[in-house]
Every structure is written in structure tokens, then in C-alpha cells.
Amino acid sequence: MPLVELLATMNAEDAGVAAAVAQAIPQIARAVELIVESRRRGGRLIYIGAGTSGRLGVLDAVECPPTFGIDPGEVVGIIAGGPEAFSKAVEGAEDDPARAEQDLAAANLTAADVVVALAASGRTPYAIGALHYGRSVGAATVAISCNRNADSSAHADVGIEIETGPEVVTGSTRLKAGTAQKMVCNMLSTATMVQVGKVYGNLMVDLHPTNAKLVDRARRIIAEATGVDAPTAAALLDAAGGHAKTAIVMQLAGVDAAAARKLLDRTQGFVRTAVR
């Protein structure tokens, strides 16, 4: 196949992934509800899977703290074979359901948590083992797969099944199936953080400005949210100790940093409620 035709074929196949994900929005919404309920009682979102699926869960987990200003332990990613499996295949790790139980036990899984098991095939023993153990301790369980009537769905409170169909390279689930799973993880974490006040409008008001680029972004977020100019936004960010959300409440409510923090504490971190 000529190169351009090959790429066009891949692109055409990828174009159907979003539509396939759309079919599962009711199930994704239910999963978000479970995660939000879990957070409100002090629980965690725990992604777990093997191979590409496991890597996608870890990827979403590690992106949440800088984006939403949460502690690293609030969203956890576990991959079969341990951290080294993120960059190097650990053969056979996905075939051992007992290992999933051991990994979740090591993470101190409790009934307050939500276990999201990712497995493109929907039949990976490691993922199913994770769901079994999650249920045994009373945790809410979610299965993400890329097949209809997936085995993993039968072991979960919510089964999210994205029917992506055959891959361009047969069986290479890092392609459409990987894209679909990444989209679902994006939706789970982002929608959850919106629901718990980590976003104001469409602005990442709880981001951690840990480098020059993010400091600039925080200043621009403050300016956009409040209508102030760039120098004023920079001064507000400094006065708020580098926390954009506090700076926004300071400006919109006309209070100092200490009062802004109290308003946010009183309203569970929701800017819109804090400034009413």
C-alpha cells in the first residue's frame, strides 16, 4: 500500500473512535458519578491494567495532580509488572489475576475507592482479578473494554464497552482501542474534577504553577476569569501564594488571600459559589 494511502486508511479508521465512545456516554456518566461519590468520602480513583491499557491508566493518573492541583495519591495508576512495565514489556504479567490482588492490597485498597480496570480485550486475567478483589473489599468497580459483552463487564458495577472494531494491524490494540481507552480516561478524570470544583468555567484554576510556562498560564487564567490586566493578574497570583483559584476569589469577591481561602473552604472549593 502506498504510504499516503496507508496513512489515510489509519486516519479513516481513527475517525470512528469518537463515535464509538459516544455510544457509551451513559455508562461513562455512571462511572463518573461513582468516582465523585468516592472522592466525597475520601476515596481514590485507581486505574489498573496490563500493557497498553495499564500505561494509559498510569498516564491519566500522573497528569491529574499538575492539572487539577490534587495530591498524587488521589488518582493512582497501577500497571501489571510494576513501574518498569511502563517502558518495557513484562511478559506474562497480564495472565496472573492474583498479582492484581497483591498490587491493590499493596496500594491499601479500601471500600471508599473506585477501581477502574482497563483491558482492551475485556478478558485479561489481571484486570478481572482486580475487579474481583475490588468487589471483595467493597470498592466500586468499573471495567473499560473495547468489545461488546466483555467478560470484564460482568465483574464490574459499571461496564464501559467501546466497540472499536478490527485494527489496521490486526490485534494491535495500542491503535484504535488505545485511543478509545485514552478518551474514556480523559472523560472520567476531567468530568470528575469539574464536578468537584477543580475547574471554573473551562479554566484550570487549581493547576500547580511549577515552572515558568505554568506561572504564565496561571496569570492568564486569572486575567481571563476576572478581566484584570496582566500586571494585576501577576500581583494577585503572588499575593495568593501562587494559587490561581485563590487569586480569582480575591479579585471577584474583593477580599484578601486569607478571606478568599476561607470562602473556598466554606464552599468545598467552588469558585462560582464562593464569589456569590
Protein backbone atom coordinates (compact mmCIF):
# COMPACT_ATOMS: atom_id res chain seq x y z
CA MET A 1 0.00 0.00 0.00
CA PRO A 2 1.43 3.43 -0.88
CA LEU A 3 2.44 5.43 2.18
CA VAL A 4 -0.18 8.16 1.76
CA GLU A 5 -2.90 5.54 1.30
CA LEU A 6 -1.69 3.71 4.41
CA LEU A 7 -1.87 6.89 6.49
CA ALA A 8 -5.26 7.81 5.03
CA THR A 9 -6.54 4.34 5.95
CA MET A 10 -5.33 4.70 9.52
CA ASN A 11 -6.88 8.14 9.76
CA ALA A 12 -10.21 6.89 8.43
CA GLU A 13 -10.24 4.10 10.99
CA ASP A 14 -9.39 6.55 13.80
CA ALA A 15 -12.24 8.82 12.72
CA GLY A 16 -14.75 6.30 14.02
CA VAL A 17 -13.36 6.11 17.56
CA ALA A 18 -15.13 9.18 18.93
CA ALA A 19 -18.47 7.93 17.62
CA ALA A 20 -17.87 4.57 19.28
CA VAL A 21 -17.07 6.28 22.59
CA ALA A 22 -20.23 8.38 22.27
CA GLN A 23 -22.32 5.21 22.40
CA ALA A 24 -21.04 4.54 25.92
CA ILE A 25 -21.63 8.00 27.41
CA PRO A 26 -24.44 6.78 29.73
CA GLN A 27 -22.07 4.20 31.25
CA ILE A 28 -19.22 6.71 31.43
CA ALA A 29 -21.54 9.13 33.23
CA ARG A 30 -22.44 6.46 35.81
CA ALA A 31 -18.73 5.77 36.36
CA VAL A 32 -18.09 9.49 36.94
CA GLU A 33 -20.91 9.53 39.49
CA LEU A 34 -19.26 6.66 41.35
CA ILE A 35 -15.88 8.42 41.33
CA VAL A 36 -17.38 11.71 42.56
CA GLU A 37 -19.20 9.87 45.36
CA SER A 38 -15.93 8.15 46.25
CA ARG A 39 -13.99 11.42 46.42
CA ARG A 40 -16.60 12.93 48.73
CA ARG A 41 -16.00 10.17 51.24
CA GLY A 42 -12.23 10.38 50.94
CA GLY A 43 -11.76 7.63 48.36
CA ARG A 44 -9.41 7.39 45.40
CA LEU A 45 -9.69 6.69 41.68
CA ILE A 46 -7.44 3.72 40.97
CA TYR A 47 -6.70 2.77 37.37
CA ILE A 48 -5.31 -0.72 36.86
CA GLY A 49 -4.43 -2.73 33.76
CA ALA A 50 -1.74 -4.52 31.79
CA GLY A 51 0.32 -3.47 28.78
CA THR A 52 -1.01 -0.54 26.76
CA SER A 53 -4.18 -0.41 28.85
CA GLY A 54 -2.20 -0.17 32.07
CA ARG A 55 0.07 2.52 30.63
CA LEU A 56 -2.92 4.64 29.64
CA GLY A 57 -4.29 4.48 33.17
CA VAL A 58 -0.92 5.48 34.63
CA LEU A 59 -0.66 8.32 32.12
CA ASP A 60 -4.01 9.79 33.13
CA ALA A 61 -3.19 9.40 36.82
CA VAL A 62 0.13 11.24 36.66
CA GLU A 63 -1.39 14.13 34.69
CA CYS A 64 -4.11 14.84 37.28
CA PRO A 65 -2.02 16.47 40.05
CA PRO A 66 -0.46 19.24 37.93
CA THR A 67 -3.68 19.86 36.00
CA PHE A 68 -6.14 19.90 38.89
CA GLY A 69 -3.97 20.63 41.93
CA ILE A 70 -4.68 17.35 43.69
CA ASP A 71 -2.33 15.19 45.72
CA PRO A 72 -0.64 12.36 43.76
CA GLY A 73 -2.35 9.76 45.93
CA GLU A 74 -5.86 10.84 44.92
CA VAL A 75 -5.65 9.30 41.44
CA VAL A 76 -3.46 6.22 41.21
CA GLY A 77 -2.24 4.21 38.23
CA ILE A 78 -1.18 0.57 38.61
CA ILE A 79 0.30 -1.48 35.76
CA ALA A 80 0.85 -5.24 35.77
CA GLY A 81 4.53 -5.93 36.29
CA GLY A 82 5.19 -2.78 38.28
CA PRO A 83 6.63 0.60 37.26
CA GLU A 84 9.27 -0.93 34.97
CA ALA A 85 6.44 -2.31 32.80
CA PHE A 86 5.58 1.24 31.75
CA SER A 87 8.63 1.41 29.50
CA LYS A 88 9.40 -2.27 28.99
CA ALA A 89 7.05 -5.20 28.41
CA VAL A 90 6.86 -7.63 31.33
CA GLU A 91 5.80 -10.88 29.71
CA GLY A 92 3.14 -12.91 31.47
CA ALA A 93 2.19 -10.20 33.95
CA GLU A 94 -1.27 -9.84 32.46
CA ASP A 95 -2.07 -13.54 32.89
CA ASP A 96 -1.95 -13.55 36.70
CA PRO A 97 -5.16 -12.41 38.45
CA ALA A 98 -3.57 -12.97 41.87
CA ARG A 99 -0.96 -10.34 41.07
CA ALA A 100 -3.71 -7.75 40.68
CA GLU A 101 -4.97 -8.59 44.15
CA GLN A 102 -1.44 -8.24 45.53
CA ASP A 103 -0.94 -4.90 43.77
CA LEU A 104 -4.22 -3.47 45.04
CA ALA A 105 -3.59 -4.76 48.55
CA ALA A 106 -0.18 -3.08 48.45
CA ALA A 107 -1.97 0.15 47.49
CA ASN A 108 -4.21 -0.30 50.58
CA LEU A 109 -7.42 -0.53 48.58
CA THR A 110 -10.50 0.26 50.71
CA ALA A 111 -14.26 0.29 50.26
CA ALA A 112 -14.10 4.06 49.74
CA ASP A 113 -12.11 3.70 46.49
CA VAL A 114 -13.12 3.12 42.88
CA VAL A 115 -11.22 0.52 40.82
CA VAL A 116 -11.19 1.20 37.07
CA ALA A 117 -9.82 -1.86 35.27
CA LEU A 118 -8.72 -1.34 31.66
CA ALA A 119 -8.46 -4.25 29.23
CA ALA A 120 -9.00 -3.77 25.51
CA SER A 121 -9.99 -7.41 25.04
CA GLY A 122 -12.22 -7.39 28.11
CA ARG A 123 -10.83 -10.73 29.20
CA THR A 124 -7.37 -10.00 30.61
CA PRO A 125 -6.98 -12.10 33.79
CA TYR A 126 -5.06 -9.34 35.60
CA ALA A 127 -7.87 -6.83 35.02
CA ILE A 128 -10.57 -9.32 36.01
CA GLY A 129 -8.59 -10.20 39.13
CA ALA A 130 -8.52 -6.50 40.02
CA LEU A 131 -12.30 -6.28 39.70
CA HIS A 132 -12.79 -9.41 41.84
CA TYR A 133 -10.59 -8.03 44.59
CA GLY A 134 -12.20 -4.59 44.38
CA ARG A 135 -15.62 -6.10 44.92
CA SER A 136 -14.36 -8.27 47.76
CA VAL A 137 -13.35 -5.20 49.79
CA GLY A 138 -16.49 -3.25 48.87
CA ALA A 139 -14.90 -0.80 46.43
CA ALA A 140 -16.91 0.41 43.44
CA THR A 141 -15.71 -1.19 40.21
CA VAL A 142 -15.61 -0.06 36.58
CA ALA A 143 -14.47 -2.09 33.58
CA ILE A 144 -13.30 -0.44 30.35
CA SER A 145 -13.05 -2.68 27.30
CA CYS A 146 -13.21 -2.44 23.53
CA ASN A 147 -15.54 -5.38 22.91
CA ARG A 148 -19.26 -5.91 23.31
CA ASN A 149 -20.35 -8.35 26.02
CA ALA A 150 -16.86 -8.26 27.53
CA ASP A 151 -16.06 -10.73 30.29
CA SER A 152 -14.76 -7.90 32.47
CA SER A 153 -18.11 -6.09 32.39
CA ALA A 154 -19.74 -9.00 34.20
CA HIS A 155 -17.39 -8.45 37.14
CA ALA A 156 -17.93 -4.69 37.47
CA ASP A 157 -20.58 -2.32 38.79
CA VAL A 158 -20.28 -0.41 35.51
CA GLY A 159 -19.12 -1.88 32.22
CA ILE A 160 -17.90 0.64 29.62
CA GLU A 161 -17.69 -1.17 26.29
CA ILE A 162 -16.28 0.71 23.29
CA GLU A 163 -16.70 -1.28 20.11
CA THR A 164 -13.77 -0.03 18.04
CA GLY A 165 -13.62 -2.99 15.65
CA PRO A 166 -10.61 -4.59 13.92
CA GLU A 167 -7.31 -2.74 13.99
CA VAL A 168 -5.35 -1.72 10.89
CA VAL A 169 -2.62 -4.04 12.17
CA THR A 170 -4.66 -6.96 13.44
CA GLY A 171 -4.58 -7.27 17.21
CA SER A 172 -2.52 -4.12 17.79
CA THR A 173 -4.74 -2.65 20.48
CA ARG A 174 -2.44 0.33 21.01
CA LEU A 175 -4.20 1.78 17.95
CA LYS A 176 -7.98 2.40 17.96
CA ALA A 177 -8.55 0.55 21.21
CA GLY A 178 -5.78 2.55 22.87
CA THR A 179 -7.22 5.80 21.55
CA ALA A 180 -10.68 4.88 22.83
CA GLN A 181 -9.40 3.99 26.29
CA LYS A 182 -7.43 7.24 26.48
CA MET A 183 -10.58 9.18 25.56
CA VAL A 184 -12.58 7.44 28.26
CA CYS A 185 -9.88 8.08 30.89
CA ASN A 186 -9.83 11.74 29.85
CA MET A 187 -13.59 11.89 30.36
CA LEU A 188 -13.57 10.10 33.72
CA SER A 189 -10.91 12.27 35.33
CA THR A 190 -11.87 15.59 33.74
CA ALA A 191 -15.61 15.29 34.33
CA THR A 192 -14.95 14.22 37.92
CA MET A 193 -12.73 17.23 38.56
CA VAL A 194 -15.32 19.54 37.04
CA GLN A 195 -17.95 18.04 39.34
CA VAL A 196 -15.84 18.66 42.45
CA GLY A 197 -14.95 22.29 41.66
CA LYS A 198 -11.45 21.93 40.23
CA VAL A 199 -12.48 23.91 37.14
CA TYR A 200 -14.09 27.37 36.86
CA GLY A 201 -15.84 27.71 33.51
CA ASN A 202 -13.32 25.93 31.33
CA LEU A 203 -10.29 27.22 33.26
CA MET A 204 -7.80 25.04 35.19
CA VAL A 205 -7.98 27.21 38.29
CA ASP A 206 -6.33 24.63 40.57
CA LEU A 207 -3.25 23.95 38.43
CA HIS A 208 0.16 23.88 40.11
CA PRO A 209 2.36 26.62 38.54
CA THR A 210 5.60 24.70 38.94
CA ASN A 211 7.52 26.18 36.01
CA ALA A 212 7.68 29.42 34.01
CA LYS A 213 5.16 28.21 31.44
CA LEU A 214 2.62 27.28 34.09
CA VAL A 215 3.14 30.52 36.01
CA ASP A 216 2.33 32.38 32.81
CA ARG A 217 -0.71 30.17 32.26
CA ALA A 218 -1.91 30.80 35.83
CA ARG A 219 -1.63 34.55 35.28
CA ARG A 220 -3.60 34.29 32.03
CA ILE A 221 -6.27 32.20 33.76
CA ILE A 222 -6.64 34.87 36.44
CA ALA A 223 -6.86 37.61 33.81
CA GLU A 224 -9.47 35.72 31.80
CA ALA A 225 -11.57 34.83 34.84
CA THR A 226 -11.58 38.32 36.35
CA GLY A 227 -10.98 40.76 33.47
CA VAL A 228 -7.85 42.30 35.03
CA ASP A 229 -4.73 43.20 33.05
CA ALA A 230 -1.56 41.10 33.03
CA PRO A 231 0.37 43.03 35.73
CA THR A 232 -2.63 42.91 38.07
CA ALA A 233 -3.04 39.19 37.45
CA ALA A 234 0.63 38.64 38.28
CA ALA A 235 0.29 40.64 41.52
CA LEU A 236 -2.83 38.69 42.50
CA LEU A 237 -1.08 35.38 41.90
CA ASP A 238 1.85 36.45 44.08
CA ALA A 239 -0.48 37.64 46.85
CA ALA A 240 -2.33 34.31 46.67
CA GLY A 241 0.85 32.31 47.17
CA GLY A 242 0.81 31.03 43.59
CA HIS A 243 -2.74 29.65 43.75
CA ALA A 244 -4.81 30.90 40.82
CA LYS A 245 -8.15 29.90 42.35
CA THR A 246 -7.48 31.93 45.50
CA ALA A 247 -6.37 34.90 43.38
CA ILE A 248 -9.60 34.78 41.37
CA VAL A 249 -11.76 34.77 44.50
CA MET A 250 -9.70 37.62 45.94
CA GLN A 251 -10.48 39.76 42.91
CA LEU A 252 -14.10 38.76 42.32
CA ALA A 253 -15.12 38.88 46.00
CA GLY A 254 -12.94 41.88 46.91
CA VAL A 255 -11.16 40.14 49.79
CA ASP A 256 -7.60 39.32 50.81
CA ALA A 257 -5.96 35.91 50.42
CA ALA A 258 -6.88 34.63 53.88
CA ALA A 259 -10.55 35.52 53.41
CA ALA A 260 -10.54 34.01 49.91
CA ARG A 261 -9.22 30.72 51.29
CA LYS A 262 -11.95 30.69 53.94
CA LEU A 263 -14.61 31.29 51.28
CA LEU A 264 -13.24 28.41 49.21
CA ASP A 265 -13.10 26.11 52.24
CA ARG A 266 -16.70 27.00 53.08
CA THR A 267 -17.89 26.21 49.53
CA GLN A 268 -15.88 22.99 49.01
CA GLY A 269 -13.57 24.74 46.53
CA PHE A 270 -16.19 26.02 44.07
CA VAL A 271 -15.20 29.48 42.81
CA ARG A 272 -18.67 30.31 41.48
CA THR A 273 -20.28 29.65 44.86
CA ALA A 274 -17.50 31.36 46.81
CA VAL A 275 -17.91 34.69 44.98
CA ARG A 276 -21.73 34.92 45.14
